[in-house]
Amino acid sequence: MTRIEESRNSQVRENETREETEYVFEEPDATHIPRGVEERFNQQDMSLGWLRILLNGQDDYQEIGKKQSQGWEFVTPDEVPEMGSTSVVREEGRYAGVVSRGDIALGKIPTVKLEAKRRFYRGKANEMLEAVNAQLMNTSNSRMPISNNSKSRTFKGRSPTFQE
């Protein structure tokens, strides 16, 4: 009898000392696009993004017209079946057959067009910064000289590490 009790006690002890799994909570993100979907569209040289279709509960014709003139197209549910459980497909109105979440809809654009747009606006921002700096230097006075020692850097990827 004692032998059975010992084995029973050891079983209970093993159950109590199970490894606890660590769970990490992430705040839900309504704009999250699954990695597999993004990779599939990237292979087709397309980029995905969310387009605003409603503003204050009404159709936002201006925003959608502007985006469509830039080359954006709506993504259909057939192209992203894995998003069917987390998104709504509109069945009526101007945006029928569009994958949406609330007031935004999933859109696609050729990656080359998106990159061209980014280069254009990056160049425009640099021109504006140079104009401000030039105007600042023009107002410099020899009695109170102005020097611009500002530096701008952009880091992508891993965070920098420093030696201790």
Protein backbone atom coordinates (compact mmCIF):
# COMPACT_ATOMS: atom_id res chain seq x y z
CA MET A 1 0.00 0.00 0.00
CA THR A 2 2.71 2.44 0.83
CA ARG A 3 4.29 1.85 -2.53
CA ILE A 4 1.10 2.98 -4.33
CA GLU A 5 0.83 6.07 -2.13
CA GLU A 6 4.40 7.08 -2.93
CA SER A 7 3.84 6.76 -6.65
CA ARG A 8 0.59 8.72 -6.32
CA ASN A 9 2.37 11.49 -4.41
CA SER A 10 5.13 11.68 -7.03
CA GLN A 11 2.51 11.96 -9.80
CA VAL A 12 0.79 14.82 -8.02
CA ARG A 13 4.12 16.56 -7.47
CA GLU A 14 5.00 16.23 -11.19
CA ASN A 15 1.67 17.76 -12.17
CA GLU A 16 2.25 20.71 -9.86
CA THR A 17 5.73 21.43 -11.22
CA ARG A 18 4.83 21.63 -14.90
CA GLU A 19 6.59 24.27 -16.87
CA GLU A 20 4.55 27.40 -17.19
CA THR A 21 4.22 28.79 -20.68
CA GLU A 22 4.98 32.47 -21.00
CA TYR A 23 2.31 34.38 -22.87
CA VAL A 24 2.96 37.75 -24.44
CA PHE A 25 -0.01 40.07 -24.85
CA GLU A 26 -0.09 42.32 -27.87
CA GLU A 27 -2.63 45.07 -28.22
CA PRO A 28 -5.01 44.34 -31.11
CA ASP A 29 -4.14 46.31 -34.22
CA ALA A 30 -6.98 46.96 -36.65
CA THR A 31 -4.52 47.73 -39.44
CA HIS A 32 -2.49 44.52 -39.12
CA ILE A 33 -2.01 42.65 -42.39
CA PRO A 34 -0.81 39.02 -42.03
CA ARG A 35 2.82 38.52 -43.05
CA GLY A 36 1.93 35.78 -45.55
CA VAL A 37 -0.45 38.12 -47.39
CA GLU A 38 2.17 40.89 -47.56
CA GLU A 39 4.83 38.48 -48.85
CA ARG A 40 2.49 37.12 -51.53
CA PHE A 41 1.73 40.62 -52.81
CA ASN A 42 5.41 41.62 -52.60
CA GLN A 43 6.25 38.70 -54.91
CA GLN A 44 3.81 40.23 -57.39
CA ASP A 45 5.58 43.63 -56.99
CA MET A 46 2.52 45.08 -55.24
CA SER A 47 2.35 46.95 -51.93
CA LEU A 48 -0.63 46.87 -49.58
CA GLY A 49 -2.12 49.67 -47.53
CA TRP A 50 -5.31 50.79 -45.85
CA LEU A 51 -7.39 53.47 -47.58
CA ARG A 52 -9.92 55.66 -45.77
CA ILE A 53 -13.35 55.15 -47.32
CA LEU A 54 -15.53 56.82 -44.68
CA LEU A 55 -15.16 60.15 -42.94
CA ASN A 56 -17.62 60.99 -40.17
CA GLY A 57 -19.86 58.15 -41.32
CA GLN A 58 -20.09 59.32 -44.93
CA ASP A 59 -18.29 58.14 -48.06
CA ASP A 60 -15.00 59.98 -48.55
CA TYR A 61 -15.12 60.48 -52.33
CA GLN A 62 -12.22 62.96 -52.44
CA GLU A 63 -9.74 60.72 -50.64
CA ILE A 64 -10.62 57.64 -52.68
CA GLY A 65 -10.55 59.61 -55.94
CA LYS A 66 -7.10 60.93 -55.08
CA LYS A 67 -5.80 57.48 -54.16
CA GLN A 68 -7.21 55.88 -57.30
CA SER A 69 -5.58 58.55 -59.46
CA GLN A 70 -2.26 57.67 -57.79
CA GLY A 71 -2.72 54.02 -58.81
CA TRP A 72 -4.38 52.41 -55.78
CA GLU A 73 -6.91 49.63 -56.37
CA PHE A 74 -9.15 47.85 -53.87
CA VAL A 75 -8.28 44.28 -52.87
CA THR A 76 -11.04 41.73 -53.39
CA PRO A 77 -11.87 38.94 -50.92
CA ASP A 78 -10.71 36.35 -53.48
CA GLU A 79 -7.17 37.78 -53.29
CA VAL A 80 -6.98 37.56 -49.47
CA PRO A 81 -9.10 34.62 -48.27
CA GLU A 82 -7.08 34.37 -45.02
CA MET A 83 -8.37 37.81 -43.95
CA GLY A 84 -12.03 36.75 -44.21
CA SER A 85 -12.31 36.08 -40.48
CA THR A 86 -10.86 39.44 -39.39
CA SER A 87 -12.34 41.71 -42.05
CA VAL A 88 -15.75 42.58 -43.45
CA VAL A 89 -16.63 42.41 -47.12
CA ARG A 90 -18.99 45.22 -48.01
CA GLU A 91 -22.03 43.95 -49.85
CA GLU A 92 -23.75 47.14 -50.92
CA GLY A 93 -23.01 50.71 -51.85
CA ARG A 94 -20.12 52.22 -53.74
CA TYR A 95 -17.58 49.96 -52.05
CA ALA A 96 -19.34 46.60 -52.60
CA GLY A 97 -16.93 43.64 -52.69
CA VAL A 98 -14.18 45.50 -50.81
CA VAL A 99 -12.26 44.03 -47.85
CA SER A 100 -12.68 46.56 -45.04
CA ARG A 101 -12.33 47.12 -41.33
CA GLY A 102 -14.49 49.92 -40.02
CA ASP A 103 -13.87 53.03 -42.10
CA ILE A 104 -10.80 51.74 -43.95
CA ALA A 105 -10.47 49.34 -46.90
CA LEU A 106 -7.51 47.28 -48.06
CA GLY A 107 -5.85 48.58 -51.21
CA LYS A 108 -2.93 47.62 -53.42
CA ILE A 109 -0.56 49.61 -55.60
CA PRO A 110 2.43 48.64 -57.78
CA THR A 111 5.55 48.96 -55.64
CA VAL A 112 7.36 51.03 -58.30
CA LYS A 113 4.62 53.68 -58.16
CA LEU A 114 4.72 53.79 -54.36
CA GLU A 115 8.51 54.14 -54.34
CA ALA A 116 8.34 56.92 -56.95
CA LYS A 117 5.84 58.78 -54.77
CA ARG A 118 8.07 58.39 -51.70
CA ARG A 119 11.12 59.66 -53.62
CA PHE A 120 9.12 62.65 -54.90
CA TYR A 121 7.93 63.71 -51.44
CA ARG A 122 11.31 63.02 -49.84
CA GLY A 123 12.93 65.31 -52.45
CA LYS A 124 10.26 67.95 -51.87
CA ALA A 125 10.88 67.85 -48.10
CA ASN A 126 14.65 68.17 -48.64
CA GLU A 127 14.12 71.18 -50.94
CA MET A 128 11.97 72.87 -48.30
CA LEU A 129 14.58 72.20 -45.61
CA GLU A 130 17.32 73.65 -47.81
CA ALA A 131 15.18 76.74 -48.50
CA VAL A 132 14.62 77.31 -44.77
CA ASN A 133 18.35 76.92 -44.07
CA ALA A 134 19.24 79.31 -46.92
CA GLN A 135 16.79 81.91 -45.61
CA LEU A 136 18.20 81.49 -42.12
CA MET A 137 21.75 82.08 -43.38
CA ASN A 138 20.67 85.15 -45.39
CA THR A 139 19.40 86.81 -42.23
CA SER A 140 22.72 86.21 -40.46
CA ASN A 141 24.46 89.33 -39.18
CA SER A 142 28.23 89.62 -38.70
CA ARG A 143 27.66 90.97 -35.18
CA MET A 144 25.44 87.97 -34.30
CA PRO A 145 26.38 85.16 -36.67
CA ILE A 146 24.05 82.20 -37.08
CA SER A 147 25.56 78.79 -37.56
CA ASN A 148 23.59 75.71 -38.49
CA ASN A 149 25.18 72.61 -36.99
CA SER A 150 22.11 70.42 -37.27
CA LYS A 151 22.45 66.91 -38.57
CA SER A 152 19.70 64.58 -39.65
CA ARG A 153 20.04 60.80 -39.64
CA THR A 154 17.66 57.97 -40.32
CA PHE A 155 18.22 54.55 -38.85
CA LYS A 156 16.43 51.47 -40.15
CA GLY A 157 16.60 47.96 -38.82
CA ARG A 158 18.32 47.10 -35.58
CA SER A 159 18.93 49.63 -32.86
CA PRO A 160 22.54 50.80 -32.61
CA THR A 161 24.68 49.12 -29.93
CA PHE A 162 27.42 50.87 -28.04
CA GLN A 163 30.62 49.53 -26.48
CA GLU A 164 30.75 49.62 -22.72
